[in-house]
């Protein structure tokens, strides 16, 4: 068994969105994007 922990995370952290793209035929492509990318680097996390 293996355990891992993420430490020192911010109290409020932006979530993720799922983006769906339709291609030729029945091809679908899913990608995840973080909401933090919507803001400039210095404003992503509250202090």
PDB file of N, CA and C in Angstrom:
ATOM      1  N   UNK A   1       0.841  -1.149   0.000  1.00  0.00           N
ATOM      2  CA  UNK A   1       0.000   0.000   0.000  1.00  0.00           C
ATOM      3  C   UNK A   1       0.904   1.236   0.000  1.00  0.00           C
ATOM      4  N   UNK A   2       0.457   2.258  -0.699  1.00  0.00           N
ATOM      5  CA  UNK A   2       1.223   3.497  -0.783  1.00  0.00           C
ATOM      6  C   UNK A   2       0.301   4.665  -0.477  1.00  0.00           C
ATOM      7  N   UNK A   3       0.741   5.575   0.385  1.00  0.00           N
ATOM      8  CA  UNK A   3      -0.022   6.770   0.730  1.00  0.00           C
ATOM      9  C   UNK A   3       0.789   7.997   0.362  1.00  0.00           C
ATOM     10  N   UNK A   4       0.106   9.019  -0.089  1.00  0.00           N
ATOM     11  CA  UNK A   4       0.780  10.292  -0.339  1.00  0.00           C
ATOM     12  C   UNK A   4      -0.130  11.411   0.144  1.00  0.00           C
ATOM     13  N   UNK A   5       0.476  12.488   0.596  1.00  0.00           N
ATOM     14  CA  UNK A   5      -0.251  13.618   1.137  1.00  0.00           C
ATOM     15  C   UNK A   5       0.258  14.904   0.507  1.00  0.00           C
ATOM     16  N   UNK A   6      -0.643  15.827   0.277  1.00  0.00           N
ATOM     17  CA  UNK A   6      -0.266  17.148  -0.196  1.00  0.00           C
ATOM     18  C   UNK A   6      -0.338  18.078   1.001  1.00  0.00           C
ATOM     19  N   UNK A   7       0.769  18.742   1.306  1.00  0.00           N
ATOM     20  CA  UNK A   7       0.812  19.609   2.485  1.00  0.00           C
ATOM     21  C   UNK A   7       0.932  21.068   2.062  1.00  0.00           C
ATOM     22  N   UNK A   8       0.623  21.958   2.995  1.00  0.00           N
ATOM     23  CA  UNK A   8       0.724  23.407   2.796  1.00  0.00           C
ATOM     24  C   UNK A   8      -0.138  23.895   1.642  1.00  0.00           C
ATOM     25  N   UNK A   9      -1.304  23.327   1.488  1.00  0.00           N
ATOM     26  CA  UNK A   9      -2.232  23.786   0.451  1.00  0.00           C
ATOM     27  C   UNK A   9      -2.947  25.030   0.930  1.00  0.00           C
ATOM     28  N   UNK A  10      -3.351  25.908   0.012  1.00  0.00           N
ATOM     29  CA  UNK A  10      -4.100  27.098   0.422  1.00  0.00           C
ATOM     30  C   UNK A  10      -5.467  26.714   0.985  1.00  0.00           C
ATOM     31  N   UNK A  11      -6.020  27.580   1.854  1.00  0.00           N
ATOM     32  CA  UNK A  11      -7.325  27.296   2.460  1.00  0.00           C
ATOM     33  C   UNK A  11      -8.422  27.283   1.406  1.00  0.00           C
ATOM     34  N   UNK A  12      -8.350  28.210   0.463  1.00  0.00           N
ATOM     35  CA  UNK A  12      -9.307  28.238  -0.640  1.00  0.00           C
ATOM     36  C   UNK A  12      -8.547  27.989  -1.929  1.00  0.00           C
ATOM     37  N   UNK A  13      -8.971  27.003  -2.657  1.00  0.00           N
ATOM     38  CA  UNK A  13      -8.271  26.639  -3.887  1.00  0.00           C
ATOM     39  C   UNK A  13      -9.286  26.571  -5.031  1.00  0.00           C
ATOM     40  N   UNK A  14      -8.990  27.214  -6.165  1.00  0.00           N
ATOM     41  CA  UNK A  14      -9.911  27.157  -7.297  1.00  0.00           C
ATOM     42  C   UNK A  14     -10.079  25.722  -7.805  1.00  0.00           C
ATOM     43  N   UNK A  15     -11.226  25.444  -8.361  1.00  0.00           N
ATOM     44  CA  UNK A  15     -11.510  24.103  -8.863  1.00  0.00           C
ATOM     45  C   UNK A  15     -11.088  23.904 -10.309  1.00  0.00           C
ATOM     46  N   UNK A  16     -11.668  22.913 -10.929  1.00  0.00           N
ATOM     47  CA  UNK A  16     -11.349  22.548 -12.308  1.00  0.00           C
ATOM     48  C   UNK A  16     -12.622  22.496 -13.142  1.00  0.00           C
ATOM     49  N   UNK A  17     -12.471  22.712 -14.423  1.00  0.00           N
ATOM     50  CA  UNK A  17     -13.593  22.567 -15.355  1.00  0.00           C
ATOM     51  C   UNK A  17     -13.235  21.473 -16.358  1.00  0.00           C
ATOM     52  N   UNK A  18     -14.242  20.820 -16.853  1.00  0.00           N
ATOM     53  CA  UNK A  18     -14.070  19.784 -17.865  1.00  0.00           C
ATOM     54  C   UNK A  18     -14.510  20.353 -19.206  1.00  0.00           C
ATOM     55  N   UNK A  19     -13.610  20.339 -20.174  1.00  0.00           N
ATOM     56  CA  UNK A  19     -13.920  20.872 -21.492  1.00  0.00           C
ATOM     57  C   UNK A  19     -14.048  19.713 -22.473  1.00  0.00           C
ATOM     58  N   UNK A  20     -15.124  19.711 -23.228  1.00  0.00           N
ATOM     59  CA  UNK A  20     -15.394  18.641 -24.191  1.00  0.00           C
ATOM     60  C   UNK A  20     -15.307  19.197 -25.603  1.00  0.00           C
ATOM     61  N   UNK A  21     -14.565  18.527 -26.457  1.00  0.00           N
ATOM     62  CA  UNK A  21     -14.438  18.916 -27.854  1.00  0.00           C
ATOM     63  C   UNK A  21     -14.897  17.749 -28.721  1.00  0.00           C
ATOM     64  N   UNK A  22     -15.748  18.049 -29.682  1.00  0.00           N
ATOM     65  CA  UNK A  22     -16.241  17.018 -30.582  1.00  0.00           C
ATOM     66  C   UNK A  22     -15.421  17.050 -31.871  1.00  0.00           C
ATOM     67  N   UNK A  23     -15.019  15.879 -32.317  1.00  0.00           N
ATOM     68  CA  UNK A  23     -14.237  15.771 -33.536  1.00  0.00           C
ATOM     69  C   UNK A  23     -15.044  15.105 -34.637  1.00  0.00           C
ATOM     70  N   UNK A  24     -14.336  14.614 -35.628  1.00  0.00           N
ATOM     71  CA  UNK A  24     -14.985  13.914 -36.741  1.00  0.00           C
ATOM     72  C   UNK A  24     -15.646  12.634 -36.255  1.00  0.00           C
ATOM     73  N   UNK A  25     -16.802  12.345 -36.790  1.00  0.00           N
ATOM     74  CA  UNK A  25     -17.508  11.124 -36.410  1.00  0.00           C
ATOM     75  C   UNK A  25     -17.946  11.179 -34.962  1.00  0.00           C
ATOM     76  N   UNK A  26     -17.593  10.149 -34.213  1.00  0.00           N
ATOM     77  CA  UNK A  26     -17.984  10.081 -32.799  1.00  0.00           C
ATOM     78  C   UNK A  26     -16.811  10.353 -31.869  1.00  0.00           C
ATOM     79  N   UNK A  27     -15.762  10.963 -32.367  1.00  0.00           N
ATOM     80  CA  UNK A  27     -14.590  11.238 -31.540  1.00  0.00           C
ATOM     81  C   UNK A  27     -14.862  12.389 -30.583  1.00  0.00           C
ATOM     82  N   UNK A  28     -14.580  12.152 -29.322  1.00  0.00           N
ATOM     83  CA  UNK A  28     -14.715  13.170 -28.283  1.00  0.00           C
ATOM     84  C   UNK A  28     -13.385  13.298 -27.563  1.00  0.00           C
ATOM     85  N   UNK A  29     -13.010  14.521 -27.244  1.00  0.00           N
ATOM     86  CA  UNK A  29     -11.776  14.766 -26.497  1.00  0.00           C
ATOM     87  C   UNK A  29     -12.138  15.572 -25.255  1.00  0.00           C
ATOM     88  N   UNK A  30     -11.711  15.090 -24.099  1.00  0.00           N
ATOM     89  CA  UNK A  30     -11.969  15.758 -22.833  1.00  0.00           C
ATOM     90  C   UNK A  30     -10.655  16.264 -22.258  1.00  0.00           C
ATOM     91  N   UNK A  31     -10.659  17.493 -21.793  1.00  0.00           N
ATOM     92  CA  UNK A  31      -9.497  18.052 -21.119  1.00  0.00           C
ATOM     93  C   UNK A  31      -9.964  18.759 -19.855  1.00  0.00           C
ATOM     94  N   UNK A  32      -9.091  18.802 -18.858  1.00  0.00           N
ATOM     95  CA  UNK A  32      -9.399  19.530 -17.631  1.00  0.00           C
ATOM     96  C   UNK A  32      -8.571  20.805 -17.598  1.00  0.00           C
ATOM     97  N   UNK A  33      -9.183  21.875 -17.108  1.00  0.00           N
ATOM     98  CA  UNK A  33      -8.511  23.161 -16.966  1.00  0.00           C
ATOM     99  C   UNK A  33      -8.825  23.710 -15.583  1.00  0.00           C
ATOM    100  N   UNK A  34      -7.865  24.367 -14.996  1.00  0.00           N
ATOM    101  CA  UNK A  34      -8.079  24.946 -13.676  1.00  0.00           C
ATOM    102  C   UNK A  34      -8.658  26.347 -13.795  1.00  0.00           C
ATOM    103  N   UNK A  35      -9.486  26.710 -12.829  1.00  0.00           N
ATOM    104  CA  UNK A  35     -10.031  28.064 -12.792  1.00  0.00           C
ATOM    105  C   UNK A  35      -8.948  29.087 -12.467  1.00  0.00           C
ATOM    106  N   UNK A  36      -7.848  28.649 -11.858  1.00  0.00           N
ATOM    107  CA  UNK A  36      -6.764  29.561 -11.492  1.00  0.00           C
ATOM    108  C   UNK A  36      -6.137  30.210 -12.721  1.00  0.00           C
ATOM    109  N   UNK A  37      -6.205  29.562 -13.865  1.00  0.00           N
ATOM    110  CA  UNK A  37      -5.619  30.131 -15.086  1.00  0.00           C
ATOM    111  C   UNK A  37      -6.378  31.352 -15.575  1.00  0.00           C
ATOM    112  N   UNK A  38      -7.576  31.589 -15.052  1.00  0.00           N
ATOM    113  CA  UNK A  38      -8.359  32.748 -15.455  1.00  0.00           C
ATOM    114  C   UNK A  38      -7.829  34.049 -14.856  1.00  0.00           C
ATOM    115  N   UNK A  39      -6.945  33.940 -13.844  1.00  0.00           N
ATOM    116  CA  UNK A  39      -6.420  35.122 -13.153  1.00  0.00           C
ATOM    117  C   UNK A  39      -4.916  35.215 -13.370  1.00  0.00           C
ATOM    118  N   UNK A  40      -4.341  36.410 -13.241  1.00  0.00           N
ATOM    119  CA  UNK A  40      -2.888  36.553 -13.330  1.00  0.00           C
ATOM    120  C   UNK A  40      -2.189  35.814 -12.178  1.00  0.00           C
ATOM    121  N   UNK A  41      -0.933  35.524 -12.349  1.00  0.00           N
ATOM    122  CA  UNK A  41      -0.192  34.694 -11.377  1.00  0.00           C
ATOM    123  C   UNK A  41      -0.255  35.230  -9.960  1.00  0.00           C
ATOM    124  N   UNK A  42      -0.180  36.543  -9.745  1.00  0.00           N
ATOM    125  CA  UNK A  42      -0.170  37.082  -8.392  1.00  0.00           C
ATOM    126  C   UNK A  42      -1.536  37.107  -7.721  1.00  0.00           C
ATOM    127  N   UNK A  43      -2.596  36.833  -8.447  1.00  0.00           N
ATOM    128  CA  UNK A  43      -3.951  36.922  -7.901  1.00  0.00           C
ATOM    129  C   UNK A  43      -4.667  35.581  -7.850  1.00  0.00           C
ATOM    130  N   UNK A  44      -3.963  34.496  -8.043  1.00  0.00           N
ATOM    131  CA  UNK A  44      -4.613  33.187  -8.129  1.00  0.00           C
ATOM    132  C   UNK A  44      -5.109  32.679  -6.796  1.00  0.00           C
ATOM    133  N   UNK A  45      -4.376  32.925  -5.732  1.00  0.00           N
ATOM    134  CA  UNK A  45      -4.756  32.408  -4.422  1.00  0.00           C
ATOM    135  C   UNK A  45      -4.903  33.557  -3.445  1.00  0.00           C
ATOM    136  N   UNK A  46      -5.928  33.542  -2.592  1.00  0.00           N
ATOM    137  CA  UNK A  46      -6.070  34.591  -1.594  1.00  0.00           C
ATOM    138  C   UNK A  46      -4.985  34.452  -0.529  1.00  0.00           C
ATOM    139  N   UNK A  47      -4.580  35.576   0.023  1.00  0.00           N
ATOM    140  CA  UNK A  47      -3.531  35.552   1.064  1.00  0.00           C
ATOM    141  C   UNK A  47      -4.165  35.826   2.404  1.00  0.00           C
TER     142      UNK A  47
END
